[in-house]
Amino acid sequence: MRRTRRDEIYEWVCRYADEMDGPTPSIHEIALHFGLNYKTVYHHVLKLVVEGRLRQERGKLVVVGSEWLEPPQPPVRQRHFDF
């Protein structure tokens, strides 16, 4: 099966999210990476949403089938003072 530009965009978004530990790129960042017009990328992203491969959540893209877990916070160090 032939890979389409949309497939390339989807794969790059997945890789980006994996490397950045969760967040996905903006449409502007995708357009810059591929050297495409913003409207062209927007069209591809909308198609990926319609296909169910991406979804929008609070204005951000989310890869369907993935779950981003916030990194654990380091324990809070408590200081004890002896008076």
PDB file of N, CA and C in Angstrom:
ATOM      1  N   MET A   1       0.834  -1.181   0.000  1.00  0.00           N
ATOM      2  CA  MET A   1       0.000   0.000   0.000  1.00  0.00           C
ATOM      3  C   MET A   1       0.885   1.253   0.000  1.00  0.00           C
ATOM      4  N   ARG A   2       0.515   2.223  -0.752  1.00  0.00           N
ATOM      5  CA  ARG A   2       1.274   3.464  -0.907  1.00  0.00           C
ATOM      6  C   ARG A   2       1.092   4.366   0.311  1.00  0.00           C
ATOM      7  N   ARG A   3       2.214   4.858   0.806  1.00  0.00           N
ATOM      8  CA  ARG A   3       2.150   5.821   1.920  1.00  0.00           C
ATOM      9  C   ARG A   3       1.804   7.192   1.383  1.00  0.00           C
ATOM     10  N   THR A   4       0.881   7.840   2.025  1.00  0.00           N
ATOM     11  CA  THR A   4       0.463   9.175   1.604  1.00  0.00           C
ATOM     12  C   THR A   4       1.132  10.220   2.487  1.00  0.00           C
ATOM     13  N   ARG A   5       1.022  11.456   2.059  1.00  0.00           N
ATOM     14  CA  ARG A   5       1.548  12.562   2.867  1.00  0.00           C
ATOM     15  C   ARG A   5       0.861  12.566   4.231  1.00  0.00           C
ATOM     16  N   ARG A   6      -0.433  12.247   4.244  1.00  0.00           N
ATOM     17  CA  ARG A   6      -1.183  12.197   5.498  1.00  0.00           C
ATOM     18  C   ARG A   6      -0.581  11.145   6.430  1.00  0.00           C
ATOM     19  N   ASP A   7      -0.209   9.983   5.878  1.00  0.00           N
ATOM     20  CA  ASP A   7       0.427   8.944   6.690  1.00  0.00           C
ATOM     21  C   ASP A   7       1.750   9.452   7.268  1.00  0.00           C
ATOM     22  N   GLU A   8       2.516  10.161   6.440  1.00  0.00           N
ATOM     23  CA  GLU A   8       3.797  10.707   6.902  1.00  0.00           C
ATOM     24  C   GLU A   8       3.588  11.707   8.038  1.00  0.00           C
ATOM     25  N   ILE A   9       2.578  12.553   7.887  1.00  0.00           N
ATOM     26  CA  ILE A   9       2.271  13.534   8.941  1.00  0.00           C
ATOM     27  C   ILE A   9       1.873  12.816  10.221  1.00  0.00           C
ATOM     28  N   TYR A  10       0.996  11.821  10.101  1.00  0.00           N
ATOM     29  CA  TYR A  10       0.547  11.064  11.279  1.00  0.00           C
ATOM     30  C   TYR A  10       1.733  10.402  11.986  1.00  0.00           C
ATOM     31  N   GLU A  11       2.595   9.759  11.215  1.00  0.00           N
ATOM     32  CA  GLU A  11       3.750   9.071  11.805  1.00  0.00           C
ATOM     33  C   GLU A  11       4.689  10.065  12.484  1.00  0.00           C
ATOM     34  N   TRP A  12       4.876  11.232  11.869  1.00  0.00           N
ATOM     35  CA  TRP A  12       5.754  12.234  12.475  1.00  0.00           C
ATOM     36  C   TRP A  12       5.149  12.788  13.760  1.00  0.00           C
ATOM     37  N   VAL A  13       3.829  13.019  13.757  1.00  0.00           N
ATOM     38  CA  VAL A  13       3.152  13.500  14.970  1.00  0.00           C
ATOM     39  C   VAL A  13       3.329  12.476  16.094  1.00  0.00           C
ATOM     40  N   CYS A  14       3.178  11.191  15.774  1.00  0.00           N
ATOM     41  CA  CYS A  14       3.360  10.131  16.782  1.00  0.00           C
ATOM     42  C   CYS A  14       4.785  10.119  17.317  1.00  0.00           C
ATOM     43  N   ARG A  15       5.764  10.195  16.414  1.00  0.00           N
ATOM     44  CA  ARG A  15       7.169  10.205  16.824  1.00  0.00           C
ATOM     45  C   ARG A  15       7.478  11.428  17.685  1.00  0.00           C
ATOM     46  N   TYR A  16       6.977  12.588  17.264  1.00  0.00           N
ATOM     47  CA  TYR A  16       7.191  13.834  18.005  1.00  0.00           C
ATOM     48  C   TYR A  16       6.635  13.700  19.423  1.00  0.00           C
ATOM     49  N   ALA A  17       5.405  13.207  19.516  1.00  0.00           N
ATOM     50  CA  ALA A  17       4.766  13.061  20.831  1.00  0.00           C
ATOM     51  C   ALA A  17       5.560  12.101  21.709  1.00  0.00           C
ATOM     52  N   ASP A  18       6.077  11.043  21.105  1.00  0.00           N
ATOM     53  CA  ASP A  18       6.869  10.066  21.860  1.00  0.00           C
ATOM     54  C   ASP A  18       8.170  10.699  22.344  1.00  0.00           C
ATOM     55  N   GLU A  19       8.850  11.418  21.467  1.00  0.00           N
ATOM     56  CA  GLU A  19      10.126  12.035  21.829  1.00  0.00           C
ATOM     57  C   GLU A  19       9.957  13.168  22.839  1.00  0.00           C
ATOM     58  N   MET A  20       8.832  13.879  22.761  1.00  0.00           N
ATOM     59  CA  MET A  20       8.591  14.995  23.670  1.00  0.00           C
ATOM     60  C   MET A  20       7.863  14.536  24.941  1.00  0.00           C
ATOM     61  N   ASP A  21       7.662  13.248  25.067  1.00  0.00           N
ATOM     62  CA  ASP A  21       7.015  12.658  26.239  1.00  0.00           C
ATOM     63  C   ASP A  21       5.577  13.144  26.418  1.00  0.00           C
ATOM     64  N   GLY A  22       4.838  13.234  25.299  1.00  0.00           N
ATOM     65  CA  GLY A  22       3.416  13.528  25.411  1.00  0.00           C
ATOM     66  C   GLY A  22       2.845  14.574  24.488  1.00  0.00           C
ATOM     67  N   PRO A  23       3.336  15.812  24.563  1.00  0.00           N
ATOM     68  CA  PRO A  23       2.697  16.852  23.756  1.00  0.00           C
ATOM     69  C   PRO A  23       2.909  16.636  22.263  1.00  0.00           C
ATOM     70  N   THR A  24       1.907  17.010  21.481  1.00  0.00           N
ATOM     71  CA  THR A  24       2.000  16.904  20.026  1.00  0.00           C
ATOM     72  C   THR A  24       2.364  18.261  19.439  1.00  0.00           C
ATOM     73  N   PRO A  25       2.873  18.251  18.206  1.00  0.00           N
ATOM     74  CA  PRO A  25       3.245  19.528  17.594  1.00  0.00           C
ATOM     75  C   PRO A  25       2.026  20.330  17.168  1.00  0.00           C
ATOM     76  N   SER A  26       2.211  21.614  17.021  1.00  0.00           N
ATOM     77  CA  SER A  26       1.147  22.471  16.493  1.00  0.00           C
ATOM     78  C   SER A  26       1.078  22.289  14.982  1.00  0.00           C
ATOM     79  N   ILE A  27       0.001  22.747  14.393  1.00  0.00           N
ATOM     80  CA  ILE A  27      -0.129  22.679  12.939  1.00  0.00           C
ATOM     81  C   ILE A  27       0.991  23.492  12.289  1.00  0.00           C
ATOM     82  N   HIS A  28       1.331  24.611  12.884  1.00  0.00           N
ATOM     83  CA  HIS A  28       2.424  25.442  12.371  1.00  0.00           C
ATOM     84  C   HIS A  28       3.745  24.659  12.384  1.00  0.00           C
ATOM     85  N   GLU A  29       4.032  23.939  13.476  1.00  0.00           N
ATOM     86  CA  GLU A  29       5.259  23.146  13.561  1.00  0.00           C
ATOM     87  C   GLU A  29       5.266  22.029  12.514  1.00  0.00           C
ATOM     88  N   ILE A  30       4.125  21.410  12.300  1.00  0.00           N
ATOM     89  CA  ILE A  30       4.029  20.353  11.288  1.00  0.00           C
ATOM     90  C   ILE A  30       4.302  20.946   9.906  1.00  0.00           C
ATOM     91  N   ALA A  31       3.693  22.102   9.626  1.00  0.00           N
ATOM     92  CA  ALA A  31       3.884  22.759   8.326  1.00  0.00           C
ATOM     93  C   ALA A  31       5.361  23.102   8.109  1.00  0.00           C
ATOM     94  N   LEU A  32       6.022  23.621   9.128  1.00  0.00           N
ATOM     95  CA  LEU A  32       7.446  23.938   9.009  1.00  0.00           C
ATOM     96  C   LEU A  32       8.281  22.693   8.747  1.00  0.00           C
ATOM     97  N   HIS A  33       7.985  21.627   9.463  1.00  0.00           N
ATOM     98  CA  HIS A  33       8.755  20.388   9.313  1.00  0.00           C
ATOM     99  C   HIS A  33       8.647  19.834   7.889  1.00  0.00           C
ATOM    100  N   PHE A  34       7.454  19.846   7.332  1.00  0.00           N
ATOM    101  CA  PHE A  34       7.237  19.264   6.008  1.00  0.00           C
ATOM    102  C   PHE A  34       7.371  20.279   4.875  1.00  0.00           C
ATOM    103  N   GLY A  35       7.557  21.547   5.206  1.00  0.00           N
ATOM    104  CA  GLY A  35       7.663  22.563   4.172  1.00  0.00           C
ATOM    105  C   GLY A  35       6.358  22.752   3.413  1.00  0.00           C
ATOM    106  N   LEU A  36       5.244  22.634   4.145  1.00  0.00           N
ATOM    107  CA  LEU A  36       3.922  22.753   3.538  1.00  0.00           C
ATOM    108  C   LEU A  36       3.220  24.007   4.026  1.00  0.00           C
ATOM    109  N   ASN A  37       2.206  24.392   3.312  1.00  0.00           N
ATOM    110  CA  ASN A  37       1.351  25.509   3.675  1.00  0.00           C
ATOM    111  C   ASN A  37       0.508  25.116   4.889  1.00  0.00           C
ATOM    112  N   TYR A  38       0.229  26.094   5.762  1.00  0.00           N
ATOM    113  CA  TYR A  38      -0.573  25.855   6.963  1.00  0.00           C
ATOM    114  C   TYR A  38      -1.922  25.226   6.607  1.00  0.00           C
ATOM    115  N   LYS A  39      -2.590  25.758   5.566  1.00  0.00           N
ATOM    116  CA  LYS A  39      -3.911  25.245   5.187  1.00  0.00           C
ATOM    117  C   LYS A  39      -3.850  23.787   4.728  1.00  0.00           C
ATOM    118  N   THR A  40      -2.779  23.426   4.047  1.00  0.00           N
ATOM    119  CA  THR A  40      -2.615  22.048   3.588  1.00  0.00           C
ATOM    120  C   THR A  40      -2.502  21.107   4.783  1.00  0.00           C
ATOM    121  N   VAL A  41      -1.679  21.491   5.759  1.00  0.00           N
ATOM    122  CA  VAL A  41      -1.507  20.666   6.957  1.00  0.00           C
ATOM    123  C   VAL A  41      -2.813  20.616   7.738  1.00  0.00           C
ATOM    124  N   TYR A  42      -3.497  21.743   7.852  1.00  0.00           N
ATOM    125  CA  TYR A  42      -4.776  21.793   8.564  1.00  0.00           C
ATOM    126  C   TYR A  42      -5.756  20.807   7.934  1.00  0.00           C
ATOM    127  N   HIS A  43      -5.801  20.771   6.601  1.00  0.00           N
ATOM    128  CA  HIS A  43      -6.677  19.837   5.884  1.00  0.00           C
ATOM    129  C   HIS A  43      -6.321  18.386   6.224  1.00  0.00           C
ATOM    130  N   HIS A  44      -5.027  18.063   6.203  1.00  0.00           N
ATOM    131  CA  HIS A  44      -4.594  16.701   6.522  1.00  0.00           C
ATOM    132  C   HIS A  44      -4.940  16.336   7.967  1.00  0.00           C
ATOM    133  N   VAL A  45      -4.737  17.280   8.883  1.00  0.00           N
ATOM    134  CA  VAL A  45      -5.046  17.024  10.298  1.00  0.00           C
ATOM    135  C   VAL A  45      -6.547  16.792  10.473  1.00  0.00           C
ATOM    136  N   LEU A  46      -7.376  17.605   9.820  1.00  0.00           N
ATOM    137  CA  LEU A  46      -8.826  17.388   9.904  1.00  0.00           C
ATOM    138  C   LEU A  46      -9.208  16.007   9.385  1.00  0.00           C
ATOM    139  N   LYS A  47      -8.594  15.590   8.291  1.00  0.00           N
ATOM    140  CA  LYS A  47      -8.869  14.250   7.747  1.00  0.00           C
ATOM    141  C   LYS A  47      -8.436  13.165   8.739  1.00  0.00           C
ATOM    142  N   LEU A  48      -7.304  13.361   9.397  1.00  0.00           N
ATOM    143  CA  LEU A  48      -6.847  12.387  10.401  1.00  0.00           C
ATOM    144  C   LEU A  48      -7.813  12.316  11.575  1.00  0.00           C
ATOM    145  N   VAL A  49      -8.414  13.449  11.925  1.00  0.00           N
ATOM    146  CA  VAL A  49      -9.418  13.467  12.999  1.00  0.00           C
ATOM    147  C   VAL A  49     -10.660  12.711  12.532  1.00  0.00           C
ATOM    148  N   VAL A  50     -11.113  12.979  11.310  1.00  0.00           N
ATOM    149  CA  VAL A  50     -12.297  12.295  10.766  1.00  0.00           C
ATOM    150  C   VAL A  50     -12.044  10.788  10.676  1.00  0.00           C
ATOM    151  N   GLU A  51     -10.824  10.400  10.304  1.00  0.00           N
ATOM    152  CA  GLU A  51     -10.464   8.978  10.202  1.00  0.00           C
ATOM    153  C   GLU A  51     -10.346   8.319  11.576  1.00  0.00           C
ATOM    154  N   GLY A  52     -10.292   9.129  12.637  1.00  0.00           N
ATOM    155  CA  GLY A  52     -10.180   8.577  13.986  1.00  0.00           C
ATOM    156  C   GLY A  52      -8.764   8.290  14.419  1.00  0.00           C
ATOM    157  N   ARG A  53      -7.789   8.788  13.682  1.00  0.00           N
ATOM    158  CA  ARG A  53      -6.388   8.545  14.030  1.00  0.00           C
ATOM    159  C   ARG A  53      -5.857   9.598  15.000  1.00  0.00           C
ATOM    160  N   LEU A  54      -6.428  10.802  14.945  1.00  0.00           N
ATOM    161  CA  LEU A  54      -6.118  11.881  15.887  1.00  0.00           C
ATOM    162  C   LEU A  54      -7.433  12.408  16.427  1.00  0.00           C
ATOM    163  N   ARG A  55      -7.361  13.079  17.551  1.00  0.00           N
ATOM    164  CA  ARG A  55      -8.531  13.794  18.059  1.00  0.00           C
ATOM    165  C   ARG A  55      -8.041  15.110  18.653  1.00  0.00           C
ATOM    166  N   GLN A  56      -8.958  16.040  18.783  1.00  0.00           N
ATOM    167  CA  GLN A  56      -8.619  17.312  19.401  1.00  0.00           C
ATOM    168  C   GLN A  56      -9.186  17.334  20.803  1.00  0.00           C
ATOM    169  N   GLU A  57      -8.344  17.755  21.718  1.00  0.00           N
ATOM    170  CA  GLU A  57      -8.748  17.822  23.119  1.00  0.00           C
ATOM    171  C   GLU A  57      -8.206  19.119  23.697  1.00  0.00           C
ATOM    172  N   ARG A  58      -9.105  19.999  24.078  1.00  0.00           N
ATOM    173  CA  ARG A  58      -8.730  21.313  24.620  1.00  0.00           C
ATOM    174  C   ARG A  58      -7.764  22.058  23.691  1.00  0.00           C
ATOM    175  N   GLY A  59      -8.048  21.981  22.392  1.00  0.00           N
ATOM    176  CA  GLY A  59      -7.237  22.705  21.413  1.00  0.00           C
ATOM    177  C   GLY A  59      -5.931  22.047  21.046  1.00  0.00           C
ATOM    178  N   LYS A  60      -5.662  20.878  21.598  1.00  0.00           N
ATOM    179  CA  LYS A  60      -4.417  20.161  21.304  1.00  0.00           C
ATOM    180  C   LYS A  60      -4.745  18.876  20.558  1.00  0.00           C
ATOM    181  N   LEU A  61      -3.809  18.427  19.727  1.00  0.00           N
ATOM    182  CA  LEU A  61      -3.970  17.146  19.047  1.00  0.00           C
ATOM    183  C   LEU A  61      -3.584  16.026  19.995  1.00  0.00           C
ATOM    184  N   VAL A  62      -4.318  14.930  19.915  1.00  0.00           N
ATOM    185  CA  VAL A  62      -4.027  13.749  20.718  1.00  0.00           C
ATOM    186  C   VAL A  62      -4.020  12.553  19.775  1.00  0.00           C
ATOM    187  N   VAL A  63      -3.015  11.715  19.894  1.00  0.00           N
ATOM    188  CA  VAL A  63      -2.953  10.504  19.091  1.00  0.00           C
ATOM    189  C   VAL A  63      -3.931   9.506  19.694  1.00  0.00           C
ATOM    190  N   VAL A  64      -4.876   9.035  18.890  1.00  0.00           N
ATOM    191  CA  VAL A  64      -5.881   8.091  19.374  1.00  0.00           C
ATOM    192  C   VAL A  64      -5.193   6.773  19.705  1.00  0.00           C
ATOM    193  N   GLY A  65      -5.573   6.204  20.830  1.00  0.00           N
ATOM    194  CA  GLY A  65      -4.991   4.932  21.250  1.00  0.00           C
ATOM    195  C   GLY A  65      -3.748   5.103  22.102  1.00  0.00           C
ATOM    196  N   SER A  66      -3.385   6.340  22.371  1.00  0.00           N
ATOM    197  CA  SER A  66      -2.229   6.562  23.239  1.00  0.00           C
ATOM    198  C   SER A  66      -2.714   7.171  24.543  1.00  0.00           C
ATOM    199  N   GLU A  67      -1.914   7.030  25.527  1.00  0.00           N
ATOM    200  CA  GLU A  67      -2.250   7.607  26.821  1.00  0.00           C
ATOM    201  C   GLU A  67      -1.015   8.298  27.356  1.00  0.00           C
ATOM    202  N   TRP A  68      -1.114   9.587  27.563  1.00  0.00           N
ATOM    203  CA  TRP A  68       0.010  10.336  28.092  1.00  0.00           C
ATOM    204  C   TRP A  68      -0.139  10.419  29.595  1.00  0.00           C
ATOM    205  N   LEU A  69       0.875   9.968  30.269  1.00  0.00           N
ATOM    206  CA  LEU A  69       0.892  10.045  31.720  1.00  0.00           C
ATOM    207  C   LEU A  69       1.879  11.117  32.131  1.00  0.00           C
ATOM    208  N   GLU A  70       1.426  11.999  32.985  1.00  0.00           N
ATOM    209  CA  GLU A  70       2.305  13.058  33.453  1.00  0.00           C
ATOM    210  C   GLU A  70       3.477  12.442  34.202  1.00  0.00           C
ATOM    211  N   PRO A  71       4.693  12.917  33.924  1.00  0.00           N
ATOM    212  CA  PRO A  71       5.854  12.360  34.631  1.00  0.00           C
ATOM    213  C   PRO A  71       5.706  12.528  36.133  1.00  0.00           C
ATOM    214  N   PRO A  72       6.188  11.563  36.888  1.00  0.00           N
ATOM    215  CA  PRO A  72       6.076  11.671  38.349  1.00  0.00           C
ATOM    216  C   PRO A  72       6.863  12.867  38.859  1.00  0.00           C
ATOM    217  N   GLN A  73       6.315  13.495  39.852  1.00  0.00           N
ATOM    218  CA  GLN A  73       6.969  14.639  40.471  1.00  0.00           C
ATOM    219  C   GLN A  73       7.954  14.129  41.520  1.00  0.00           C
ATOM    220  N   PRO A  74       9.110  14.780  41.617  1.00  0.00           N
ATOM    221  CA  PRO A  74      10.058  14.347  42.653  1.00  0.00           C
ATOM    222  C   PRO A  74       9.453  14.584  44.029  1.00  0.00           C
ATOM    223  N   PRO A  75       9.798  13.752  44.969  1.00  0.00           N
ATOM    224  CA  PRO A  75       9.248  13.930  46.316  1.00  0.00           C
ATOM    225  C   PRO A  75       9.662  15.280  46.896  1.00  0.00           C
ATOM    226  N   VAL A  76       8.767  15.839  47.643  1.00  0.00           N
ATOM    227  CA  VAL A  76       9.039  17.122  48.288  1.00  0.00           C
ATOM    228  C   VAL A  76       9.929  16.874  49.495  1.00  0.00           C
ATOM    229  N   ARG A  77      11.033  17.582  49.517  1.00  0.00           N
ATOM    230  CA  ARG A  77      11.952  17.419  50.647  1.00  0.00           C
ATOM    231  C   ARG A  77      11.452  18.266  51.802  1.00  0.00           C
ATOM    232  N   GLN A  78      11.322  17.626  52.907  1.00  0.00           N
ATOM    233  CA  GLN A  78      10.898  18.359  54.097  1.00  0.00           C
ATOM    234  C   GLN A  78      12.114  18.621  54.960  1.00  0.00           C
ATOM    235  N   ARG A  79      12.185  19.818  55.415  1.00  0.00           N
ATOM    236  CA  ARG A  79      13.322  20.179  56.284  1.00  0.00           C
ATOM    237  C   ARG A  79      12.858  20.172  57.724  1.00  0.00           C
ATOM    238  N   HIS A  80      13.681  19.609  58.502  1.00  0.00           N
ATOM    239  CA  HIS A  80      13.389  19.570  59.945  1.00  0.00           C
ATOM    240  C   HIS A  80      14.397  20.501  60.647  1.00  0.00           C
ATOM    241  N   PHE A  81      13.851  21.323  61.475  1.00  0.00           N
ATOM    242  CA  PHE A  81      14.688  22.240  62.216  1.00  0.00           C
ATOM    243  C   PHE A  81      14.629  21.883  63.687  1.00  0.00           C
ATOM    244  N   ASP A  82      15.775  21.756  64.276  1.00  0.00           N
ATOM    245  CA  ASP A  82      15.844  21.489  65.706  1.00  0.00           C
ATOM    246  C   ASP A  82      16.133  22.821  66.408  1.00  0.00           C
ATOM    247  N   PHE A  83      15.265  23.180  67.327  1.00  0.00           N
ATOM    248  CA  PHE A  83      15.436  24.421  68.063  1.00  0.00           C
ATOM    249  C   PHE A  83      15.780  24.149  69.473  1.00  0.00           C
TER     250      PHE A  83
END
